Amino acid sequence: MELFTDFEWRVLRHDRFTNGEQEGALEEIDVLLASGLYEKSSGTPVGARHYRRSLTDGSCLHLVIGEGTGRLHHDTFDPHAGPFSLGMHLTHEARSEAATGLALALTLLRLLSR
């Protein structure tokens, strides 16, 4: 059985049209990081620190920490769960990042083929 903080529950109780994103107090962010359940990750914005908590249903909680602020949202597909989940995450929840990555890869291939 998974246990969640009140902050995590506020995010997880979102409706199906949102990802439940909530801003958290620094004390709430510290509790999440101290739990040991959040692993370093990546995402946007690039300058922020990113952490993810994988959930048993294949989704995850994504914690984004910027300067003096922390935001938590729920991703339907955990990109750390495997290749299929990563693909679903990129095509459903991180489309702009996927498009940027594809453009960079194509540019690199074009440069290497010269």
N, C-alpha and C. Protein backbone atom coordinates (compact mmCIF):
# COMPACT_ATOMS: atom_id res chain seq x y z
N MET A 1 0.83 -1.18 0.00
CA MET A 1 0.00 0.00 0.00
C MET A 1 0.88 1.25 0.00
N GLU A 2 0.59 2.15 -0.92
CA GLU A 2 1.37 3.38 -1.01
C GLU A 2 0.83 4.42 -0.04
N LEU A 3 1.75 5.12 0.60
CA LEU A 3 1.39 6.19 1.52
C LEU A 3 1.78 7.52 0.90
N PHE A 4 0.93 8.52 1.08
CA PHE A 4 1.16 9.83 0.49
C PHE A 4 1.00 10.93 1.53
N THR A 5 1.75 12.02 1.34
CA THR A 5 1.58 13.20 2.19
C THR A 5 0.32 13.94 1.75
N ASP A 6 -0.13 14.89 2.56
CA ASP A 6 -1.28 15.71 2.18
C ASP A 6 -1.01 16.46 0.89
N PHE A 7 0.21 16.94 0.71
CA PHE A 7 0.60 17.65 -0.52
C PHE A 7 0.43 16.74 -1.74
N GLU A 8 0.92 15.51 -1.63
CA GLU A 8 0.80 14.57 -2.74
C GLU A 8 -0.67 14.26 -3.02
N TRP A 9 -1.48 14.10 -1.97
CA TRP A 9 -2.91 13.83 -2.16
C TRP A 9 -3.60 14.99 -2.87
N ARG A 10 -3.21 16.23 -2.55
CA ARG A 10 -3.81 17.38 -3.24
C ARG A 10 -3.58 17.29 -4.75
N VAL A 11 -2.42 16.81 -5.14
CA VAL A 11 -2.09 16.65 -6.56
C VAL A 11 -2.82 15.45 -7.16
N LEU A 12 -2.80 14.34 -6.46
CA LEU A 12 -3.39 13.11 -7.00
C LEU A 12 -4.91 13.17 -7.14
N ARG A 13 -5.57 14.06 -6.44
CA ARG A 13 -7.03 14.16 -6.53
C ARG A 13 -7.49 15.04 -7.70
N HIS A 14 -6.63 15.24 -8.68
CA HIS A 14 -6.99 16.10 -9.81
C HIS A 14 -8.05 15.46 -10.71
N ASP A 15 -8.73 16.32 -11.49
CA ASP A 15 -9.71 15.79 -12.44
C ASP A 15 -8.99 15.28 -13.69
N ARG A 16 -9.70 14.65 -14.58
CA ARG A 16 -9.05 14.01 -15.73
C ARG A 16 -8.59 14.99 -16.80
N PHE A 17 -8.89 16.27 -16.65
CA PHE A 17 -8.51 17.27 -17.63
C PHE A 17 -7.25 18.04 -17.25
N THR A 18 -6.67 17.75 -16.08
CA THR A 18 -5.46 18.43 -15.63
C THR A 18 -4.47 17.40 -15.10
N ASN A 19 -3.27 17.90 -14.78
CA ASN A 19 -2.27 17.04 -14.15
C ASN A 19 -2.17 17.32 -12.65
N GLY A 20 -3.08 18.17 -12.14
CA GLY A 20 -3.16 18.43 -10.71
C GLY A 20 -2.05 19.29 -10.15
N GLU A 21 -1.31 19.99 -10.99
CA GLU A 21 -0.15 20.74 -10.52
C GLU A 21 -0.48 21.68 -9.37
N GLN A 22 0.37 21.61 -8.34
CA GLN A 22 0.21 22.43 -7.14
C GLN A 22 1.58 22.98 -6.74
N GLU A 23 1.57 24.21 -6.24
CA GLU A 23 2.79 24.76 -5.67
C GLU A 23 2.85 24.34 -4.21
N GLY A 24 4.03 23.96 -3.77
CA GLY A 24 4.19 23.51 -2.39
C GLY A 24 5.05 24.44 -1.58
N ALA A 25 4.80 24.50 -0.30
CA ALA A 25 5.65 25.24 0.61
C ALA A 25 7.00 24.53 0.69
N LEU A 26 8.05 25.29 0.99
CA LEU A 26 9.39 24.69 1.06
C LEU A 26 9.45 23.55 2.06
N GLU A 27 8.68 23.63 3.14
CA GLU A 27 8.66 22.55 4.13
C GLU A 27 8.07 21.28 3.51
N GLU A 28 7.04 21.43 2.68
CA GLU A 28 6.43 20.26 2.02
C GLU A 28 7.41 19.63 1.04
N ILE A 29 8.16 20.46 0.32
CA ILE A 29 9.16 19.97 -0.64
C ILE A 29 10.24 19.21 0.11
N ASP A 30 10.70 19.75 1.23
CA ASP A 30 11.74 19.09 2.03
C ASP A 30 11.28 17.72 2.51
N VAL A 31 10.02 17.60 2.91
CA VAL A 31 9.48 16.31 3.37
C VAL A 31 9.51 15.29 2.22
N LEU A 32 9.12 15.72 1.02
CA LEU A 32 9.13 14.81 -0.13
C LEU A 32 10.54 14.31 -0.42
N LEU A 33 11.51 15.23 -0.44
CA LEU A 33 12.89 14.84 -0.74
C LEU A 33 13.47 13.96 0.36
N ALA A 34 13.11 14.23 1.61
CA ALA A 34 13.63 13.43 2.73
C ALA A 34 13.04 12.02 2.77
N SER A 35 11.92 11.81 2.07
CA SER A 35 11.27 10.50 2.10
C SER A 35 12.09 9.41 1.42
N GLY A 36 12.98 9.80 0.52
CA GLY A 36 13.77 8.83 -0.23
C GLY A 36 13.00 8.20 -1.38
N LEU A 37 11.77 8.64 -1.62
CA LEU A 37 10.93 8.06 -2.68
C LEU A 37 11.10 8.78 -4.02
N TYR A 38 11.74 9.93 -4.00
CA TYR A 38 11.90 10.72 -5.22
C TYR A 38 13.31 10.56 -5.76
N GLU A 39 13.40 10.19 -7.06
CA GLU A 39 14.69 10.01 -7.72
C GLU A 39 14.94 11.20 -8.64
N LYS A 40 16.22 11.55 -8.81
CA LYS A 40 16.58 12.64 -9.72
C LYS A 40 16.07 12.29 -11.11
N SER A 41 15.64 13.31 -11.83
CA SER A 41 15.07 13.12 -13.15
C SER A 41 15.44 14.32 -14.02
N SER A 42 14.74 14.48 -15.11
CA SER A 42 14.95 15.62 -16.00
C SER A 42 13.61 16.15 -16.46
N GLY A 43 13.63 17.28 -17.13
CA GLY A 43 12.41 17.87 -17.63
C GLY A 43 12.61 19.35 -17.89
N THR A 44 11.51 20.04 -18.08
CA THR A 44 11.57 21.48 -18.28
C THR A 44 10.89 22.16 -17.10
N PRO A 45 11.34 23.34 -16.74
CA PRO A 45 12.42 24.12 -17.35
C PRO A 45 13.78 23.50 -17.05
N VAL A 46 14.71 23.72 -17.97
CA VAL A 46 16.02 23.08 -17.91
C VAL A 46 16.80 23.49 -16.67
N GLY A 47 16.69 24.72 -16.22
CA GLY A 47 17.47 25.20 -15.08
C GLY A 47 16.97 24.71 -13.73
N ALA A 48 15.82 24.08 -13.69
CA ALA A 48 15.24 23.61 -12.42
C ALA A 48 15.79 22.23 -12.07
N ARG A 49 15.59 21.84 -10.80
CA ARG A 49 15.93 20.48 -10.37
C ARG A 49 14.65 19.64 -10.46
N HIS A 50 14.78 18.43 -10.99
CA HIS A 50 13.63 17.56 -11.23
C HIS A 50 13.80 16.24 -10.48
N TYR A 51 12.69 15.79 -9.90
CA TYR A 51 12.64 14.52 -9.19
C TYR A 51 11.32 13.84 -9.54
N ARG A 52 11.32 12.51 -9.55
CA ARG A 52 10.11 11.75 -9.81
C ARG A 52 9.93 10.65 -8.77
N ARG A 53 8.67 10.45 -8.40
CA ARG A 53 8.29 9.31 -7.56
C ARG A 53 7.45 8.38 -8.42
N SER A 54 7.96 7.19 -8.70
CA SER A 54 7.22 6.20 -9.48
C SER A 54 6.10 5.62 -8.63
N LEU A 55 4.94 5.44 -9.24
CA LEU A 55 3.78 4.87 -8.56
C LEU A 55 3.48 3.49 -9.11
N THR A 56 2.77 2.67 -8.35
CA THR A 56 2.54 1.28 -8.74
C THR A 56 1.67 1.12 -9.98
N ASP A 57 0.90 2.16 -10.36
CA ASP A 57 0.04 2.06 -11.54
C ASP A 57 0.75 2.47 -12.83
N GLY A 58 2.07 2.74 -12.78
CA GLY A 58 2.82 3.13 -13.96
C GLY A 58 2.89 4.64 -14.18
N SER A 59 2.25 5.39 -13.31
CA SER A 59 2.32 6.85 -13.39
C SER A 59 3.41 7.33 -12.43
N CYS A 60 3.55 8.64 -12.31
CA CYS A 60 4.54 9.17 -11.38
C CYS A 60 4.15 10.57 -10.93
N LEU A 61 4.75 10.99 -9.83
CA LEU A 61 4.66 12.36 -9.37
C LEU A 61 5.97 13.04 -9.77
N HIS A 62 5.87 14.21 -10.41
CA HIS A 62 7.03 14.93 -10.92
C HIS A 62 7.17 16.22 -10.12
N LEU A 63 8.28 16.33 -9.40
CA LEU A 63 8.59 17.48 -8.57
C LEU A 63 9.59 18.36 -9.30
N VAL A 64 9.23 19.64 -9.47
CA VAL A 64 10.09 20.60 -10.16
C VAL A 64 10.43 21.70 -9.17
N ILE A 65 11.73 21.86 -8.89
CA ILE A 65 12.17 22.84 -7.91
C ILE A 65 12.96 23.93 -8.62
N GLY A 66 12.44 25.16 -8.53
CA GLY A 66 13.12 26.32 -9.09
C GLY A 66 13.66 27.17 -7.96
N GLU A 67 13.94 28.42 -8.27
CA GLU A 67 14.47 29.32 -7.25
C GLU A 67 13.37 29.71 -6.28
N GLY A 68 13.43 29.16 -5.07
CA GLY A 68 12.47 29.50 -4.04
C GLY A 68 11.08 28.94 -4.22
N THR A 69 10.90 28.06 -5.17
CA THR A 69 9.57 27.49 -5.41
C THR A 69 9.67 26.01 -5.75
N GLY A 70 8.62 25.29 -5.45
CA GLY A 70 8.54 23.89 -5.81
C GLY A 70 7.14 23.57 -6.28
N ARG A 71 7.04 22.86 -7.40
CA ARG A 71 5.74 22.50 -7.95
C ARG A 71 5.72 21.00 -8.16
N LEU A 72 4.56 20.40 -7.90
CA LEU A 72 4.39 18.96 -8.03
C LEU A 72 3.21 18.70 -8.94
N HIS A 73 3.38 17.79 -9.91
CA HIS A 73 2.25 17.38 -10.74
C HIS A 73 2.30 15.87 -10.98
N HIS A 74 1.20 15.35 -11.49
CA HIS A 74 1.04 13.92 -11.73
C HIS A 74 1.16 13.65 -13.22
N ASP A 75 2.09 12.78 -13.59
CA ASP A 75 2.23 12.34 -14.98
C ASP A 75 1.59 10.96 -15.12
N THR A 76 0.72 10.81 -16.11
CA THR A 76 0.04 9.54 -16.34
C THR A 76 1.04 8.44 -16.70
N PHE A 77 2.10 8.80 -17.41
CA PHE A 77 3.11 7.83 -17.83
C PHE A 77 4.46 8.20 -17.21
N ASP A 78 5.03 7.27 -16.47
CA ASP A 78 6.33 7.48 -15.82
C ASP A 78 7.43 7.19 -16.83
N PRO A 79 8.22 8.20 -17.23
CA PRO A 79 9.26 7.95 -18.23
C PRO A 79 10.36 7.02 -17.72
N HIS A 80 10.45 6.79 -16.42
CA HIS A 80 11.45 5.88 -15.86
C HIS A 80 10.98 4.44 -15.84
N ALA A 81 9.72 4.18 -16.19
CA ALA A 81 9.15 2.84 -16.07
C ALA A 81 9.57 1.89 -17.20
N GLY A 82 10.08 2.42 -18.29
CA GLY A 82 10.49 1.58 -19.41
C GLY A 82 10.31 2.29 -20.73
N PRO A 83 10.78 1.68 -21.83
CA PRO A 83 10.71 2.34 -23.14
C PRO A 83 9.29 2.69 -23.60
N PHE A 84 8.34 1.80 -23.38
CA PHE A 84 6.97 2.09 -23.81
C PHE A 84 6.42 3.29 -23.04
N SER A 85 6.61 3.28 -21.73
CA SER A 85 6.11 4.38 -20.90
C SER A 85 6.82 5.69 -21.25
N LEU A 86 8.11 5.62 -21.54
CA LEU A 86 8.84 6.82 -21.97
C LEU A 86 8.25 7.36 -23.26
N GLY A 87 7.98 6.49 -24.22
CA GLY A 87 7.37 6.92 -25.48
C GLY A 87 6.01 7.55 -25.27
N MET A 88 5.20 6.93 -24.42
CA MET A 88 3.87 7.49 -24.13
C MET A 88 3.99 8.84 -23.43
N HIS A 89 4.95 8.95 -22.52
CA HIS A 89 5.17 10.22 -21.83
C HIS A 89 5.55 11.31 -22.82
N LEU A 90 6.46 10.99 -23.74
CA LEU A 90 6.91 11.98 -24.71
C LEU A 90 5.81 12.39 -25.68
N THR A 91 4.95 11.46 -26.06
CA THR A 91 3.91 11.80 -27.03
C THR A 91 2.64 12.37 -26.40
N HIS A 92 2.47 12.20 -25.10
CA HIS A 92 1.26 12.69 -24.45
C HIS A 92 1.49 13.83 -23.46
N GLU A 93 2.63 13.81 -22.76
CA GLU A 93 2.83 14.78 -21.69
C GLU A 93 4.04 15.68 -21.90
N ALA A 94 4.91 15.36 -22.80
CA ALA A 94 6.12 16.15 -23.03
C ALA A 94 6.34 16.35 -24.53
N ARG A 95 5.28 16.70 -25.23
CA ARG A 95 5.37 16.83 -26.69
C ARG A 95 6.38 17.89 -27.15
N SER A 96 6.42 19.03 -26.48
CA SER A 96 7.35 20.08 -26.92
C SER A 96 8.80 19.64 -26.71
N GLU A 97 9.07 18.95 -25.59
CA GLU A 97 10.42 18.44 -25.35
C GLU A 97 10.79 17.37 -26.39
N ALA A 98 9.83 16.52 -26.74
CA ALA A 98 10.07 15.48 -27.74
C ALA A 98 10.35 16.11 -29.10
N ALA A 99 9.59 17.13 -29.46
CA ALA A 99 9.79 17.80 -30.75
C ALA A 99 11.16 18.47 -30.79
N THR A 100 11.57 19.09 -29.70
CA THR A 100 12.89 19.72 -29.64
C THR A 100 13.99 18.67 -29.77
N GLY A 101 13.85 17.57 -29.07
CA GLY A 101 14.83 16.49 -29.15
C GLY A 101 14.94 15.90 -30.54
N LEU A 102 13.79 15.72 -31.20
CA LEU A 102 13.79 15.20 -32.57
C LEU A 102 14.47 16.17 -33.51
N ALA A 103 14.18 17.45 -33.38
CA ALA A 103 14.81 18.46 -34.23
C ALA A 103 16.32 18.47 -34.04
N LEU A 104 16.77 18.37 -32.79
CA LEU A 104 18.21 18.32 -32.52
C LEU A 104 18.84 17.07 -33.12
N ALA A 105 18.18 15.93 -32.99
CA ALA A 105 18.71 14.68 -33.54
C ALA A 105 18.81 14.76 -35.05
N LEU A 106 17.78 15.29 -35.70
CA LEU A 106 17.81 15.42 -37.17
C LEU A 106 18.91 16.37 -37.62
N THR A 107 19.09 17.46 -36.90
CA THR A 107 20.16 18.40 -37.22
C THR A 107 21.52 17.74 -37.08
N LEU A 108 21.70 16.99 -36.01
CA LEU A 108 22.96 16.28 -35.79
C LEU A 108 23.22 15.27 -36.90
N LEU A 109 22.19 14.51 -37.28
CA LEU A 109 22.35 13.54 -38.38
C LEU A 109 22.72 14.24 -39.68
N ARG A 110 22.07 15.35 -39.94
CA ARG A 110 22.37 16.12 -41.15
C ARG A 110 23.82 16.60 -41.15
N LEU A 111 24.30 17.08 -40.00
CA LEU A 111 25.69 17.55 -39.91
C LEU A 111 26.67 16.39 -40.05
N LEU A 112 26.35 15.25 -39.47
CA LEU A 112 27.24 14.09 -39.56
C LEU A 112 27.29 13.48 -40.96
N SER A 113 26.24 13.68 -41.74
CA SER A 113 26.19 13.09 -43.08
C SER A 113 26.93 13.93 -44.12
N ARG A 114 27.44 15.05 -43.74
CA ARG A 114 28.18 15.91 -44.70
C ARG A 114 29.55 15.39 -44.96
